[in-house]
Amino acid sequence: MEAYKGLTKKTTILFPSPLHEHLIRVARQRGVSLGQLVRDACELQYGVVTEEDRLRAARAIGQLSLPVGSPEDLKRESVPAPEDLLP
């Protein structure tokens, strides 16, 4: 029962039979329970992101050497002038 030590909430989810059968097969292939498969998928899709995680990601993006122009250049490139849209 050590694997379930941190689990404190229970949720019942109803799946259509074909999806349930597919998830059972995937769980078996990965060597995990259906519950663990669903927890992993939820964590990947909707996982809790801390402020520290966000700051770390922002710093990593800031360290990239990307070809980005000035804000004025970006506006000019992304929003066409009215005369460019009219015949």
PDB file of N, CA and C in Angstrom:
ATOM      1  N   MET A   1       0.799  -1.202   0.000  1.00  0.00           N
ATOM      2  CA  MET A   1       0.000   0.000   0.000  1.00  0.00           C
ATOM      3  C   MET A   1       0.845   1.271   0.000  1.00  0.00           C
ATOM      4  N   GLU A   2       2.148   1.156   0.049  1.00  0.00           N
ATOM      5  CA  GLU A   2       3.035   2.324   0.048  1.00  0.00           C
ATOM      6  C   GLU A   2       2.829   3.182  -1.198  1.00  0.00           C
ATOM      7  N   ALA A   3       2.506   2.568  -2.329  1.00  0.00           N
ATOM      8  CA  ALA A   3       2.321   3.315  -3.572  1.00  0.00           C
ATOM      9  C   ALA A   3       1.155   4.296  -3.482  1.00  0.00           C
ATOM     10  N   TYR A   4       0.209   4.023  -2.581  1.00  0.00           N
ATOM     11  CA  TYR A   4      -0.971   4.876  -2.471  1.00  0.00           C
ATOM     12  C   TYR A   4      -0.910   5.822  -1.282  1.00  0.00           C
ATOM     13  N   LYS A   5       0.227   5.956  -0.669  1.00  0.00           N
ATOM     14  CA  LYS A   5       0.372   6.762   0.537  1.00  0.00           C
ATOM     15  C   LYS A   5      -0.078   8.212   0.348  1.00  0.00           C
ATOM     16  N   GLY A   6       0.264   8.847  -0.764  1.00  0.00           N
ATOM     17  CA  GLY A   6      -0.055  10.253  -0.977  1.00  0.00           C
ATOM     18  C   GLY A   6      -1.449  10.498  -1.534  1.00  0.00           C
ATOM     19  N   LEU A   7      -2.196   9.450  -1.811  1.00  0.00           N
ATOM     20  CA  LEU A   7      -3.522   9.620  -2.399  1.00  0.00           C
ATOM     21  C   LEU A   7      -4.538   9.879  -1.294  1.00  0.00           C
ATOM     22  N   THR A   8      -5.290  10.973  -1.412  1.00  0.00           N
ATOM     23  CA  THR A   8      -6.227  11.330  -0.356  1.00  0.00           C
ATOM     24  C   THR A   8      -7.640  11.588  -0.858  1.00  0.00           C
ATOM     25  N   LYS A   9      -7.853  11.661  -2.144  1.00  0.00           N
ATOM     26  CA  LYS A   9      -9.179  11.944  -2.702  1.00  0.00           C
ATOM     27  C   LYS A   9      -9.574  10.848  -3.680  1.00  0.00           C
ATOM     28  N   LYS A  10     -10.863  10.526  -3.680  1.00  0.00           N
ATOM     29  CA  LYS A  10     -11.367   9.503  -4.574  1.00  0.00           C
ATOM     30  C   LYS A  10     -12.383  10.131  -5.520  1.00  0.00           C
ATOM     31  N   THR A  11     -12.298   9.766  -6.809  1.00  0.00           N
ATOM     32  CA  THR A  11     -13.219  10.257  -7.822  1.00  0.00           C
ATOM     33  C   THR A  11     -13.667   9.072  -8.665  1.00  0.00           C
ATOM     34  N   THR A  12     -14.941   9.021  -8.960  1.00  0.00           N
ATOM     35  CA  THR A  12     -15.473   7.978  -9.835  1.00  0.00           C
ATOM     36  C   THR A  12     -15.656   8.566 -11.221  1.00  0.00           C
ATOM     37  N   ILE A  13     -15.105   7.903 -12.218  1.00  0.00           N
ATOM     38  CA  ILE A  13     -15.207   8.357 -13.601  1.00  0.00           C
ATOM     39  C   ILE A  13     -15.842   7.238 -14.412  1.00  0.00           C
ATOM     40  N   LEU A  14     -16.846   7.569 -15.188  1.00  0.00           N
ATOM     41  CA  LEU A  14     -17.483   6.589 -16.064  1.00  0.00           C
ATOM     42  C   LEU A  14     -16.957   6.764 -17.476  1.00  0.00           C
ATOM     43  N   PHE A  15     -16.486   5.647 -18.064  1.00  0.00           N
ATOM     44  CA  PHE A  15     -15.977   5.653 -19.427  1.00  0.00           C
ATOM     45  C   PHE A  15     -16.898   4.814 -20.305  1.00  0.00           C
ATOM     46  N   PRO A  16     -17.022   5.172 -21.575  1.00  0.00           N
ATOM     47  CA  PRO A  16     -17.695   4.256 -22.502  1.00  0.00           C
ATOM     48  C   PRO A  16     -16.860   2.975 -22.585  1.00  0.00           C
ATOM     49  N   SER A  17     -17.528   1.870 -22.807  1.00  0.00           N
ATOM     50  CA  SER A  17     -16.851   0.565 -22.800  1.00  0.00           C
ATOM     51  C   SER A  17     -15.626   0.505 -23.728  1.00  0.00           C
ATOM     52  N   PRO A  18     -15.718   0.973 -24.980  1.00  0.00           N
ATOM     53  CA  PRO A  18     -14.529   0.883 -25.853  1.00  0.00           C
ATOM     54  C   PRO A  18     -13.333   1.676 -25.309  1.00  0.00           C
ATOM     55  N   LEU A  19     -13.585   2.845 -24.751  1.00  0.00           N
ATOM     56  CA  LEU A  19     -12.490   3.636 -24.192  1.00  0.00           C
ATOM     57  C   LEU A  19     -11.915   2.941 -22.966  1.00  0.00           C
ATOM     58  N   HIS A  20     -12.767   2.408 -22.117  1.00  0.00           N
ATOM     59  CA  HIS A  20     -12.293   1.707 -20.921  1.00  0.00           C
ATOM     60  C   HIS A  20     -11.406   0.528 -21.307  1.00  0.00           C
ATOM     61  N   GLU A  21     -11.853  -0.251 -22.283  1.00  0.00           N
ATOM     62  CA  GLU A  21     -11.061  -1.404 -22.732  1.00  0.00           C
ATOM     63  C   GLU A  21      -9.714  -0.951 -23.294  1.00  0.00           C
ATOM     64  N   HIS A  22      -9.720   0.140 -24.043  1.00  0.00           N
ATOM     65  CA  HIS A  22      -8.469   0.666 -24.603  1.00  0.00           C
ATOM     66  C   HIS A  22      -7.527   1.111 -23.486  1.00  0.00           C
ATOM     67  N   LEU A  23      -8.058   1.826 -22.506  1.00  0.00           N
ATOM     68  CA  LEU A  23      -7.220   2.301 -21.405  1.00  0.00           C
ATOM     69  C   LEU A  23      -6.649   1.142 -20.596  1.00  0.00           C
ATOM     70  N   ILE A  24      -7.440   0.101 -20.400  1.00  0.00           N
ATOM     71  CA  ILE A  24      -6.945  -1.090 -19.696  1.00  0.00           C
ATOM     72  C   ILE A  24      -5.772  -1.698 -20.466  1.00  0.00           C
ATOM     73  N   ARG A  25      -5.904  -1.798 -21.791  1.00  0.00           N
ATOM     74  CA  ARG A  25      -4.812  -2.353 -22.608  1.00  0.00           C
ATOM     75  C   ARG A  25      -3.565  -1.480 -22.504  1.00  0.00           C
ATOM     76  N   VAL A  26      -3.739  -0.180 -22.589  1.00  0.00           N
ATOM     77  CA  VAL A  26      -2.591   0.732 -22.500  1.00  0.00           C
ATOM     78  C   VAL A  26      -1.927   0.606 -21.128  1.00  0.00           C
ATOM     79  N   ALA A  27      -2.722   0.556 -20.081  1.00  0.00           N
ATOM     80  CA  ALA A  27      -2.178   0.420 -18.725  1.00  0.00           C
ATOM     81  C   ALA A  27      -1.378  -0.871 -18.595  1.00  0.00           C
ATOM     82  N   ARG A  28      -1.901  -1.959 -19.115  1.00  0.00           N
ATOM     83  CA  ARG A  28      -1.175  -3.244 -19.058  1.00  0.00           C
ATOM     84  C   ARG A  28       0.144  -3.166 -19.819  1.00  0.00           C
ATOM     85  N   GLN A  29       0.106  -2.534 -21.016  1.00  0.00           N
ATOM     86  CA  GLN A  29       1.323  -2.402 -21.807  1.00  0.00           C
ATOM     87  C   GLN A  29       2.385  -1.601 -21.067  1.00  0.00           C
ATOM     88  N   ARG A  30       1.957  -0.614 -20.307  1.00  0.00           N
ATOM     89  CA  ARG A  30       2.893   0.233 -19.564  1.00  0.00           C
ATOM     90  C   ARG A  30       3.233  -0.313 -18.190  1.00  0.00           C
ATOM     91  N   GLY A  31       2.529  -1.362 -17.789  1.00  0.00           N
ATOM     92  CA  GLY A  31       2.806  -1.970 -16.491  1.00  0.00           C
ATOM     93  C   GLY A  31       2.336  -1.133 -15.311  1.00  0.00           C
ATOM     94  N   VAL A  32       1.240  -0.403 -15.511  1.00  0.00           N
ATOM     95  CA  VAL A  32       0.687   0.418 -14.439  1.00  0.00           C
ATOM     96  C   VAL A  32      -0.800   0.106 -14.295  1.00  0.00           C
ATOM     97  N   SER A  33      -1.381   0.571 -13.206  1.00  0.00           N
ATOM     98  CA  SER A  33      -2.819   0.405 -13.009  1.00  0.00           C
ATOM     99  C   SER A  33      -3.576   1.415 -13.866  1.00  0.00           C
ATOM    100  N   LEU A  34      -4.853   1.155 -14.056  1.00  0.00           N
ATOM    101  CA  LEU A  34      -5.690   2.112 -14.778  1.00  0.00           C
ATOM    102  C   LEU A  34      -5.709   3.448 -14.040  1.00  0.00           C
ATOM    103  N   GLY A  35      -5.796   3.398 -12.721  1.00  0.00           N
ATOM    104  CA  GLY A  35      -5.787   4.625 -11.931  1.00  0.00           C
ATOM    105  C   GLY A  35      -4.514   5.425 -12.142  1.00  0.00           C
ATOM    106  N   GLN A  36      -3.365   4.739 -12.154  1.00  0.00           N
ATOM    107  CA  GLN A  36      -2.090   5.441 -12.362  1.00  0.00           C
ATOM    108  C   GLN A  36      -2.017   6.029 -13.764  1.00  0.00           C
ATOM    109  N   LEU A  37      -2.530   5.291 -14.744  1.00  0.00           N
ATOM    110  CA  LEU A  37      -2.552   5.792 -16.120  1.00  0.00           C
ATOM    111  C   LEU A  37      -3.354   7.086 -16.202  1.00  0.00           C
ATOM    112  N   VAL A  38      -4.525   7.097 -15.559  1.00  0.00           N
ATOM    113  CA  VAL A  38      -5.376   8.294 -15.583  1.00  0.00           C
ATOM    114  C   VAL A  38      -4.719   9.427 -14.800  1.00  0.00           C
ATOM    115  N   ARG A  39      -4.128   9.133 -13.639  1.00  0.00           N
ATOM    116  CA  ARG A  39      -3.431  10.180 -12.880  1.00  0.00           C
ATOM    117  C   ARG A  39      -2.298  10.786 -13.688  1.00  0.00           C
ATOM    118  N   ASP A  40      -1.513   9.932 -14.353  1.00  0.00           N
ATOM    119  CA  ASP A  40      -0.402  10.430 -15.174  1.00  0.00           C
ATOM    120  C   ASP A  40      -0.908  11.329 -16.302  1.00  0.00           C
ATOM    121  N   ALA A  41      -1.998  10.902 -16.957  1.00  0.00           N
ATOM    122  CA  ALA A  41      -2.551  11.700 -18.056  1.00  0.00           C
ATOM    123  C   ALA A  41      -3.070  13.042 -17.542  1.00  0.00           C
ATOM    124  N   CYS A  42      -3.737  13.029 -16.396  1.00  0.00           N
ATOM    125  CA  CYS A  42      -4.257  14.282 -15.815  1.00  0.00           C
ATOM    126  C   CYS A  42      -3.112  15.199 -15.413  1.00  0.00           C
ATOM    127  N   GLU A  43      -2.080  14.633 -14.835  1.00  0.00           N
ATOM    128  CA  GLU A  43      -0.929  15.439 -14.424  1.00  0.00           C
ATOM    129  C   GLU A  43      -0.262  16.073 -15.639  1.00  0.00           C
ATOM    130  N   LEU A  44      -0.124  15.294 -16.694  1.00  0.00           N
ATOM    131  CA  LEU A  44       0.496  15.815 -17.912  1.00  0.00           C
ATOM    132  C   LEU A  44      -0.352  16.919 -18.540  1.00  0.00           C
ATOM    133  N   GLN A  45      -1.654  16.705 -18.601  1.00  0.00           N
ATOM    134  CA  GLN A  45      -2.541  17.667 -19.260  1.00  0.00           C
ATOM    135  C   GLN A  45      -2.877  18.863 -18.378  1.00  0.00           C
ATOM    136  N   TYR A  46      -3.125  18.623 -17.088  1.00  0.00           N
ATOM    137  CA  TYR A  46      -3.645  19.676 -16.214  1.00  0.00           C
ATOM    138  C   TYR A  46      -2.807  19.886 -14.968  1.00  0.00           C
ATOM    139  N   GLY A  47      -1.601  19.372 -14.956  1.00  0.00           N
ATOM    140  CA  GLY A  47      -0.768  19.388 -13.763  1.00  0.00           C
ATOM    141  C   GLY A  47      -0.648  20.743 -13.095  1.00  0.00           C
ATOM    142  N   VAL A  48      -0.446  20.701 -11.813  1.00  0.00           N
ATOM    143  CA  VAL A  48      -0.280  21.914 -11.035  1.00  0.00           C
ATOM    144  C   VAL A  48       1.101  22.481 -11.333  1.00  0.00           C
ATOM    145  N   VAL A  49       1.132  23.741 -11.705  1.00  0.00           N
ATOM    146  CA  VAL A  49       2.388  24.420 -12.005  1.00  0.00           C
ATOM    147  C   VAL A  49       2.586  25.493 -10.947  1.00  0.00           C
ATOM    148  N   THR A  50       3.715  25.435 -10.271  1.00  0.00           N
ATOM    149  CA  THR A  50       3.988  26.413  -9.229  1.00  0.00           C
ATOM    150  C   THR A  50       4.534  27.701  -9.843  1.00  0.00           C
ATOM    151  N   GLU A  51       4.521  28.761  -9.051  1.00  0.00           N
ATOM    152  CA  GLU A  51       5.081  30.026  -9.515  1.00  0.00           C
ATOM    153  C   GLU A  51       6.565  29.856  -9.823  1.00  0.00           C
ATOM    154  N   GLU A  52       7.239  29.049  -9.028  1.00  0.00           N
ATOM    155  CA  GLU A  52       8.663  28.781  -9.266  1.00  0.00           C
ATOM    156  C   GLU A  52       8.866  28.102 -10.615  1.00  0.00           C
ATOM    157  N   ASP A  53       7.982  27.153 -10.956  1.00  0.00           N
ATOM    158  CA  ASP A  53       8.060  26.494 -12.266  1.00  0.00           C
ATOM    159  C   ASP A  53       7.904  27.507 -13.392  1.00  0.00           C
ATOM    160  N   ARG A  54       6.936  28.410 -13.237  1.00  0.00           N
ATOM    161  CA  ARG A  54       6.690  29.421 -14.270  1.00  0.00           C
ATOM    162  C   ARG A  54       7.890  30.355 -14.421  1.00  0.00           C
ATOM    163  N   LEU A  55       8.463  30.776 -13.293  1.00  0.00           N
ATOM    164  CA  LEU A  55       9.631  31.660 -13.346  1.00  0.00           C
ATOM    165  C   LEU A  55      10.820  30.959 -13.997  1.00  0.00           C
ATOM    166  N   ARG A  56      10.995  29.689 -13.667  1.00  0.00           N
ATOM    167  CA  ARG A  56      12.089  28.919 -14.262  1.00  0.00           C
ATOM    168  C   ARG A  56      11.899  28.827 -15.771  1.00  0.00           C
ATOM    169  N   ALA A  57      10.673  28.583 -16.209  1.00  0.00           N
ATOM    170  CA  ALA A  57      10.390  28.497 -17.647  1.00  0.00           C
ATOM    171  C   ALA A  57      10.619  29.844 -18.323  1.00  0.00           C
ATOM    172  N   ALA A  58      10.188  30.928 -17.674  1.00  0.00           N
ATOM    173  CA  ALA A  58      10.386  32.267 -18.251  1.00  0.00           C
ATOM    174  C   ALA A  58      11.867  32.590 -18.375  1.00  0.00           C
ATOM    175  N   ARG A  59      12.653  32.223 -17.366  1.00  0.00           N
ATOM    176  CA  ARG A  59      14.107  32.464 -17.447  1.00  0.00           C
ATOM    177  C   ARG A  59      14.725  31.653 -18.577  1.00  0.00           C
ATOM    178  N   ALA A  60      14.290  30.417 -18.731  1.00  0.00           N
ATOM    179  CA  ALA A  60      14.829  29.573 -19.800  1.00  0.00           C
ATOM    180  C   ALA A  60      14.502  30.160 -21.167  1.00  0.00           C
ATOM    181  N   ILE A  61      13.277  30.665 -21.324  1.00  0.00           N
ATOM    182  CA  ILE A  61      12.900  31.291 -22.599  1.00  0.00           C
ATOM    183  C   ILE A  61      13.725  32.551 -22.823  1.00  0.00           C
ATOM    184  N   GLY A  62      13.940  33.324 -21.764  1.00  0.00           N
ATOM    185  CA  GLY A  62      14.715  34.556 -21.876  1.00  0.00           C
ATOM    186  C   GLY A  62      16.159  34.314 -22.276  1.00  0.00           C
ATOM    187  N   GLN A  63      16.677  33.133 -21.979  1.00  0.00           N
ATOM    188  CA  GLN A  63      18.066  32.819 -22.308  1.00  0.00           C
ATOM    189  C   GLN A  63      18.234  32.312 -23.737  1.00  0.00           C
ATOM    190  N   LEU A  64      17.109  32.037 -24.410  1.00  0.00           N
ATOM    191  CA  LEU A  64      17.193  31.577 -25.791  1.00  0.00           C
ATOM    192  C   LEU A  64      17.630  32.727 -26.690  1.00  0.00           C
ATOM    193  N   SER A  65      18.352  32.389 -27.715  1.00  0.00           N
ATOM    194  CA  SER A  65      18.794  33.395 -28.674  1.00  0.00           C
ATOM    195  C   SER A  65      17.845  33.335 -29.868  1.00  0.00           C
ATOM    196  N   LEU A  66      16.746  34.096 -29.755  1.00  0.00           N
ATOM    197  CA  LEU A  66      15.727  34.060 -30.798  1.00  0.00           C
ATOM    198  C   LEU A  66      15.774  35.330 -31.638  1.00  0.00           C
ATOM    199  N   PRO A  67      15.473  35.215 -32.924  1.00  0.00           N
ATOM    200  CA  PRO A  67      15.479  36.390 -33.799  1.00  0.00           C
ATOM    201  C   PRO A  67      14.187  37.205 -33.609  1.00  0.00           C
ATOM    202  N   VAL A  68      14.168  38.043 -32.594  1.00  0.00           N
ATOM    203  CA  VAL A  68      12.979  38.830 -32.295  1.00  0.00           C
ATOM    204  C   VAL A  68      13.313  40.306 -32.467  1.00  0.00           C
ATOM    205  N   GLY A  69      12.446  41.011 -33.187  1.00  0.00           N
ATOM    206  CA  GLY A  69      12.649  42.436 -33.413  1.00  0.00           C
ATOM    207  C   GLY A  69      12.086  43.267 -32.273  1.00  0.00           C
ATOM    208  N   SER A  70      12.063  44.547 -32.489  1.00  0.00           N
ATOM    209  CA  SER A  70      11.529  45.466 -31.492  1.00  0.00           C
ATOM    210  C   SER A  70      10.007  45.328 -31.441  1.00  0.00           C
ATOM    211  N   PRO A  71       9.365  45.807 -30.369  1.00  0.00           N
ATOM    212  CA  PRO A  71       7.894  45.768 -30.321  1.00  0.00           C
ATOM    213  C   PRO A  71       7.252  46.463 -31.519  1.00  0.00           C
ATOM    214  N   GLU A  72       7.846  47.565 -31.972  1.00  0.00           N
ATOM    215  CA  GLU A  72       7.301  48.280 -33.129  1.00  0.00           C
ATOM    216  C   GLU A  72       7.372  47.413 -34.385  1.00  0.00           C
ATOM    217  N   ASP A  73       8.515  46.724 -34.553  1.00  0.00           N
ATOM    218  CA  ASP A  73       8.656  45.826 -35.714  1.00  0.00           C
ATOM    219  C   ASP A  73       7.621  44.710 -35.661  1.00  0.00           C
ATOM    220  N   LEU A  74       7.429  44.138 -34.492  1.00  0.00           N
ATOM    221  CA  LEU A  74       6.467  43.044 -34.348  1.00  0.00           C
ATOM    222  C   LEU A  74       5.056  43.512 -34.671  1.00  0.00           C
ATOM    223  N   LYS A  75       4.674  44.694 -34.180  1.00  0.00           N
ATOM    224  CA  LYS A  75       3.348  45.226 -34.479  1.00  0.00           C
ATOM    225  C   LYS A  75       3.182  45.456 -35.972  1.00  0.00           C
ATOM    226  N   ARG A  76       4.179  46.034 -36.581  1.00  0.00           N
ATOM    227  CA  ARG A  76       4.121  46.343 -38.008  1.00  0.00           C
ATOM    228  C   ARG A  76       4.009  45.048 -38.826  1.00  0.00           C
ATOM    229  N   GLU A  77       4.696  43.995 -38.405  1.00  0.00           N
ATOM    230  CA  GLU A  77       4.677  42.737 -39.143  1.00  0.00           C
ATOM    231  C   GLU A  77       3.400  41.932 -38.911  1.00  0.00           C
ATOM    232  N   SER A  78       2.785  42.088 -37.745  1.00  0.00           N
ATOM    233  CA  SER A  78       1.641  41.241 -37.421  1.00  0.00           C
ATOM    234  C   SER A  78       0.300  41.882 -37.759  1.00  0.00           C
ATOM    235  N   VAL A  79       0.236  43.201 -37.822  1.00  0.00           N
ATOM    236  CA  VAL A  79      -1.021  43.884 -38.115  1.00  0.00           C
ATOM    237  C   VAL A  79      -0.834  44.709 -39.382  1.00  0.00           C
ATOM    238  N   PRO A  80      -1.503  44.297 -40.471  1.00  0.00           N
ATOM    239  CA  PRO A  80      -1.330  45.060 -41.711  1.00  0.00           C
ATOM    240  C   PRO A  80      -1.959  46.446 -41.599  1.00  0.00           C
ATOM    241  N   ALA A  81      -1.391  47.370 -42.289  1.00  0.00           N
ATOM    242  CA  ALA A  81      -1.941  48.711 -42.340  1.00  0.00           C
ATOM    243  C   ALA A  81      -3.235  48.690 -43.147  1.00  0.00           C
ATOM    244  N   PRO A  82      -4.179  49.592 -42.858  1.00  0.00           N
ATOM    245  CA  PRO A  82      -5.446  49.596 -43.597  1.00  0.00           C
ATOM    246  C   PRO A  82      -5.259  49.669 -45.113  1.00  0.00           C
ATOM    247  N   GLU A  83      -4.300  50.469 -45.544  1.00  0.00           N
ATOM    248  CA  GLU A  83      -4.089  50.595 -46.987  1.00  0.00           C
ATOM    249  C   GLU A  83      -3.608  49.289 -47.624  1.00  0.00           C
ATOM    250  N   ASP A  84      -3.022  48.400 -46.825  1.00  0.00           N
ATOM    251  CA  ASP A  84      -2.604  47.113 -47.342  1.00  0.00           C
ATOM    252  C   ASP A  84      -3.784  46.156 -47.526  1.00  0.00           C
ATOM    253  N   LEU A  85      -4.891  46.438 -46.850  1.00  0.00           N
ATOM    254  CA  LEU A  85      -6.053  45.563 -46.931  1.00  0.00           C
ATOM    255  C   LEU A  85      -7.061  46.009 -47.978  1.00  0.00           C
ATOM    256  N   LEU A  86      -7.061  47.295 -48.296  1.00  0.00           N
ATOM    257  CA  LEU A  86      -8.037  47.822 -49.237  1.00  0.00           C
ATOM    258  C   LEU A  86      -7.473  47.815 -50.657  1.00  0.00           C
ATOM    259  N   PRO A  87      -8.370  47.584 -51.646  1.00  0.00           N
ATOM    260  CA  PRO A  87      -7.887  47.587 -53.053  1.00  0.00           C
ATOM    261  C   PRO A  87      -7.503  48.960 -53.530  1.00  0.00           C
TER     262      PRO A  87
END
